[in-house]
Amino acid sequence: MEQEYETIDLREIIFLLRNNAISIVASALVCALLGFLVTTFLITPQYEASATMIVNSQQNQSATNITNDMITTAKNLVTTYGIVVKSDTVLQQVIDQLNLDMTYEELQSKVAISAVDSTQVMRIAVQDANPAQAKAIVGKIVEIAPEIVRDAVEAGSVKVISDARVGDEPVSPNKMMNTAIAGLLGLALSVGAIFAKEMLNNTFKNDDDIQRHLGFTVLGVIPYVDMEAGT
């Protein structure tokens, strides 16, 4: 049995979208507005504080005896030192000394360690709803971490090169991005709903539909006459 496949006419798609342009735009605008309102009033802003430390491959490394091998080793040690900095040995002391109302796991999720431009400089960043607390946490980490790193990794050390600083503006949520994403989502949903409604509509709209689906030739069309308009 030969199976029939219905072809999609690009002109029909354009015509369908044009006829529903107002509802599509309205849906996108409503969703964008909802995204903006949710981002503004329901999501707690997060501030970021950060500090940087330089990683040395030796505990007593002077500027006169630095070699390329030492710099390469120091770069590779950034990941190791980052694990030490995020360990409970460091962070639990931060919690205790600052009297933070959070667990070690909660604080660990707020701390991010990264190498600056693939160098031996390690950046420690903390995000928190309270900018002052974020700064205090970073400051306490860079105060406690160097000694613990020296004890844990006997082959190297770290030294603070920039103290904790916090930005004036929150780093998240991104209102513009969330609004744009919500608008695009509303646009996609409205277009998808229109196409789904059109595909589920099995009525004949014109004589071409009858000939295409049933194979009958249309001999004539009875026009609709509005009797009320004619009186």
Protein backbone atom coordinates (compact mmCIF):
# COMPACT_ATOMS: atom_id res chain seq x y z
CA MET A 1 0.00 0.00 0.00
CA GLU A 2 1.45 3.30 -1.07
CA GLN A 3 1.74 5.81 1.75
CA GLU A 4 0.99 9.45 1.08
CA TYR A 5 3.13 12.19 2.49
CA GLU A 6 1.75 15.65 2.82
CA THR A 7 4.09 18.32 1.54
CA ILE A 8 4.55 21.58 3.41
CA ASP A 9 4.21 24.70 1.37
CA LEU A 10 6.52 27.49 2.45
CA ARG A 11 3.94 30.04 1.39
CA GLU A 12 1.39 28.45 3.70
CA ILE A 13 3.83 28.68 6.60
CA ILE A 14 4.52 32.34 5.91
CA PHE A 15 0.81 33.02 5.55
CA LEU A 16 0.09 31.21 8.82
CA LEU A 17 2.76 33.14 10.71
CA ARG A 18 1.66 36.44 9.23
CA ASN A 19 -1.96 35.86 10.22
CA ASN A 20 -0.91 35.08 13.78
CA ALA A 21 1.82 37.71 14.05
CA ILE A 22 0.01 39.70 16.74
CA SER A 23 -0.46 36.70 19.02
CA ILE A 24 3.14 35.57 18.47
CA VAL A 25 4.57 38.99 19.34
CA ALA A 26 2.18 39.31 22.30
CA SER A 27 3.27 35.93 23.68
CA ALA A 28 6.94 36.84 23.34
CA LEU A 29 6.42 40.18 25.10
CA VAL A 30 4.38 38.64 27.93
CA CYS A 31 7.00 35.94 28.54
CA ALA A 32 9.81 38.51 28.39
CA LEU A 33 7.98 40.65 30.96
CA LEU A 34 7.46 37.62 33.21
CA GLY A 35 11.14 36.74 32.90
CA PHE A 36 12.13 40.27 33.87
CA LEU A 37 9.76 40.33 36.85
CA VAL A 38 10.87 36.92 38.12
CA THR A 39 14.53 37.88 37.77
CA THR A 40 13.99 41.22 39.51
CA PHE A 41 11.76 40.23 42.40
CA LEU A 42 12.10 36.48 42.97
CA ILE A 43 15.80 35.73 42.40
CA THR A 44 18.22 36.91 45.08
CA PRO A 45 21.11 38.95 43.62
CA GLN A 46 24.57 37.48 44.16
CA TYR A 47 27.70 39.59 44.69
CA GLU A 48 31.20 38.35 44.01
CA ALA A 49 34.35 39.05 45.98
CA SER A 50 37.76 37.86 44.85
CA ALA A 51 41.45 37.86 45.67
CA THR A 52 44.53 36.51 43.93
CA MET A 53 47.52 34.54 45.17
CA ILE A 54 50.67 33.54 43.33
CA VAL A 55 51.71 29.90 43.42
CA ASN A 56 55.37 29.03 44.00
CA SER A 57 56.88 25.63 43.38
CA GLN A 58 59.20 26.02 46.38
CA GLN A 59 58.57 27.20 49.91
CA ASN A 60 61.45 29.69 49.88
CA GLN A 61 61.55 30.82 46.29
CA SER A 62 63.44 34.02 45.52
CA ALA A 63 63.24 36.09 42.37
CA THR A 64 66.88 35.34 41.52
CA ASN A 65 66.60 31.58 41.12
CA ILE A 66 63.32 31.24 39.18
CA THR A 67 63.52 28.99 36.12
CA ASN A 68 61.03 28.08 33.42
CA ASP A 69 60.63 24.63 34.94
CA MET A 70 59.67 26.20 38.25
CA ILE A 71 57.04 28.39 36.58
CA THR A 72 55.61 25.39 34.72
CA THR A 73 55.49 23.38 37.93
CA ALA A 74 53.79 26.26 39.72
CA LYS A 75 51.10 26.45 37.01
CA ASN A 76 50.41 22.75 37.43
CA LEU A 77 50.18 23.19 41.19
CA VAL A 78 47.29 25.66 40.92
CA THR A 79 44.78 22.82 40.65
CA THR A 80 46.31 21.02 43.63
CA TYR A 81 46.35 24.16 45.74
CA GLY A 82 42.78 24.88 44.73
CA ILE A 83 41.70 21.53 46.17
CA VAL A 84 43.48 22.33 49.42
CA VAL A 85 41.91 25.78 49.61
CA LYS A 86 38.40 24.31 49.15
CA SER A 87 38.99 21.53 51.67
CA ASP A 88 37.27 21.44 55.04
CA THR A 89 40.65 22.10 56.67
CA VAL A 90 40.49 25.67 55.35
CA LEU A 91 36.79 26.36 54.95
CA GLN A 92 35.74 24.96 58.32
CA GLN A 93 38.14 27.38 59.98
CA VAL A 94 36.59 30.19 57.91
CA ILE A 95 33.13 29.19 59.12
CA ASP A 96 34.23 29.00 62.75
CA GLN A 97 36.19 32.25 62.80
CA LEU A 98 33.49 34.27 60.99
CA ASN A 99 30.61 32.53 62.81
CA LEU A 100 28.94 31.79 59.49
CA ASP A 101 25.47 30.27 59.53
CA MET A 102 26.23 27.65 56.88
CA THR A 103 27.70 24.19 56.54
CA TYR A 104 31.00 23.30 54.94
CA GLU A 105 29.19 22.00 51.83
CA GLU A 106 27.23 25.24 51.49
CA LEU A 107 30.39 27.34 51.74
CA GLN A 108 32.28 25.09 49.34
CA SER A 109 29.59 25.60 46.69
CA LYS A 110 30.15 29.37 46.92
CA VAL A 111 33.93 29.19 46.42
CA ALA A 112 35.50 29.05 42.95
CA ILE A 113 39.21 28.57 42.28
CA SER A 114 40.75 29.28 38.86
CA ALA A 115 44.08 30.05 37.23
CA VAL A 116 44.33 33.56 35.80
CA ASP A 117 45.03 33.30 32.06
CA SER A 118 46.72 29.90 32.51
CA THR A 119 49.41 31.44 34.70
CA GLN A 120 50.68 30.59 38.18
CA VAL A 121 48.32 33.19 39.61
CA MET A 122 45.36 31.64 41.43
CA ARG A 123 42.07 33.53 41.74
CA ILE A 124 39.76 32.83 44.65
CA ALA A 125 36.18 34.04 44.21
CA VAL A 126 33.15 33.80 46.47
CA GLN A 127 29.55 34.61 45.59
CA ASP A 128 27.04 35.55 48.27
CA ALA A 129 23.87 37.57 48.62
CA ASN A 130 25.67 39.76 51.18
CA PRO A 131 28.60 41.60 49.54
CA ALA A 132 30.25 42.32 52.89
CA GLN A 133 30.09 38.65 53.84
CA ALA A 134 31.50 37.58 50.47
CA LYS A 135 34.45 39.92 50.98
CA ALA A 136 34.97 38.71 54.55
CA ILE A 137 34.99 35.07 53.44
CA VAL A 138 37.59 35.68 50.71
CA GLY A 139 39.71 37.73 53.11
CA LYS A 140 39.66 34.97 55.70
CA ILE A 141 40.46 32.29 53.09
CA VAL A 142 43.59 34.09 51.87
CA GLU A 143 44.56 34.64 55.49
CA ILE A 144 44.26 31.00 56.50
CA ALA A 145 45.16 29.16 53.28
CA PRO A 146 48.89 29.96 52.81
CA GLU A 147 50.02 28.26 56.01
CA ILE A 148 47.81 25.21 55.43
CA VAL A 149 49.08 24.93 51.84
CA ARG A 150 52.69 25.01 53.01
CA ASP A 151 51.98 22.25 55.53
CA ALA A 152 49.93 20.11 53.12
CA VAL A 153 52.10 20.57 50.01
CA GLU A 154 55.65 20.67 51.26
CA ALA A 155 57.00 21.34 47.78
CA GLY A 156 55.52 24.81 47.38
CA SER A 157 53.81 27.85 48.82
CA VAL A 158 51.38 30.64 47.98
CA LYS A 159 51.51 34.35 48.54
CA VAL A 160 48.71 36.91 48.42
CA ILE A 161 49.19 39.47 45.65
CA SER A 162 45.81 41.22 45.86
CA ASP A 163 43.50 41.45 48.85
CA ALA A 164 39.80 40.69 48.81
CA ARG A 165 37.66 43.07 46.78
CA VAL A 166 33.93 43.00 46.04
CA GLY A 167 32.08 44.50 43.10
CA ASP A 168 29.45 47.18 43.49
CA GLU A 169 27.01 45.43 41.15
CA PRO A 170 25.67 41.88 41.49
CA VAL A 171 27.11 39.30 39.11
CA SER A 172 23.85 37.36 38.94
CA PRO A 173 21.14 37.09 37.90
CA ASN A 174 21.57 38.64 34.46
CA LYS A 175 18.33 40.54 33.90
CA MET A 176 18.91 41.22 30.22
CA MET A 177 19.84 37.63 29.40
CA ASN A 178 16.97 36.12 31.40
CA THR A 179 14.50 38.55 29.80
CA ALA A 180 15.77 37.70 26.32
CA ILE A 181 15.65 33.95 27.00
CA ALA A 182 12.09 34.22 28.34
CA GLY A 183 11.05 36.23 25.28
CA LEU A 184 12.57 33.70 22.88
CA LEU A 185 10.93 30.87 24.81
CA GLY A 186 7.55 32.60 24.54
CA LEU A 187 8.15 33.11 20.82
CA ALA A 188 9.04 29.44 20.29
CA LEU A 189 6.09 28.19 22.34
CA SER A 190 3.58 30.40 20.54
CA VAL A 191 4.87 29.37 17.09
CA GLY A 192 4.85 25.72 18.16
CA ALA A 193 1.29 26.01 19.46
CA ILE A 194 0.13 27.62 16.21
CA PHE A 195 1.68 24.87 14.09
CA ALA A 196 0.30 22.16 16.38
CA LYS A 197 -3.18 23.65 16.14
CA GLU A 198 -2.88 23.85 12.37
CA MET A 199 -1.70 20.25 12.06
CA LEU A 200 -4.53 18.97 14.27
CA ASN A 201 -7.12 20.90 12.28
CA ASN A 202 -8.60 18.32 9.87
CA THR A 203 -11.23 20.57 8.31
CA PHE A 204 -11.16 21.58 4.65
CA LYS A 205 -10.43 25.27 4.25
CA ASN A 206 -10.60 25.53 0.47
CA ASP A 207 -11.16 23.49 -2.69
CA ASP A 208 -7.44 22.72 -2.97
CA ASP A 209 -7.60 20.83 0.34
CA ILE A 210 -10.47 18.65 -0.96
CA GLN A 211 -8.61 17.78 -4.16
CA ARG A 212 -5.32 17.14 -2.36
CA HIS A 213 -6.69 14.95 0.45
CA LEU A 214 -9.68 13.23 -1.19
CA GLY A 215 -8.71 13.29 -4.84
CA PHE A 216 -12.06 14.77 -5.88
CA THR A 217 -12.37 17.50 -8.47
CA VAL A 218 -14.35 20.48 -7.21
CA LEU A 219 -17.10 21.31 -9.72
CA GLY A 220 -18.46 24.36 -7.99
CA VAL A 221 -18.49 26.39 -4.79
CA ILE A 222 -21.59 27.74 -3.08
CA PRO A 223 -20.81 31.28 -1.94
CA TYR A 224 -21.76 32.48 1.53
CA VAL A 225 -24.28 35.33 1.56
CA ASP A 226 -24.82 37.38 4.70
CA MET A 227 -28.59 37.94 4.66
CA GLU A 228 -28.50 40.47 7.52
CA ALA A 229 -25.95 42.62 5.70
CA GLY A 230 -28.11 42.58 2.56
CA THR A 231 -31.23 43.88 4.28
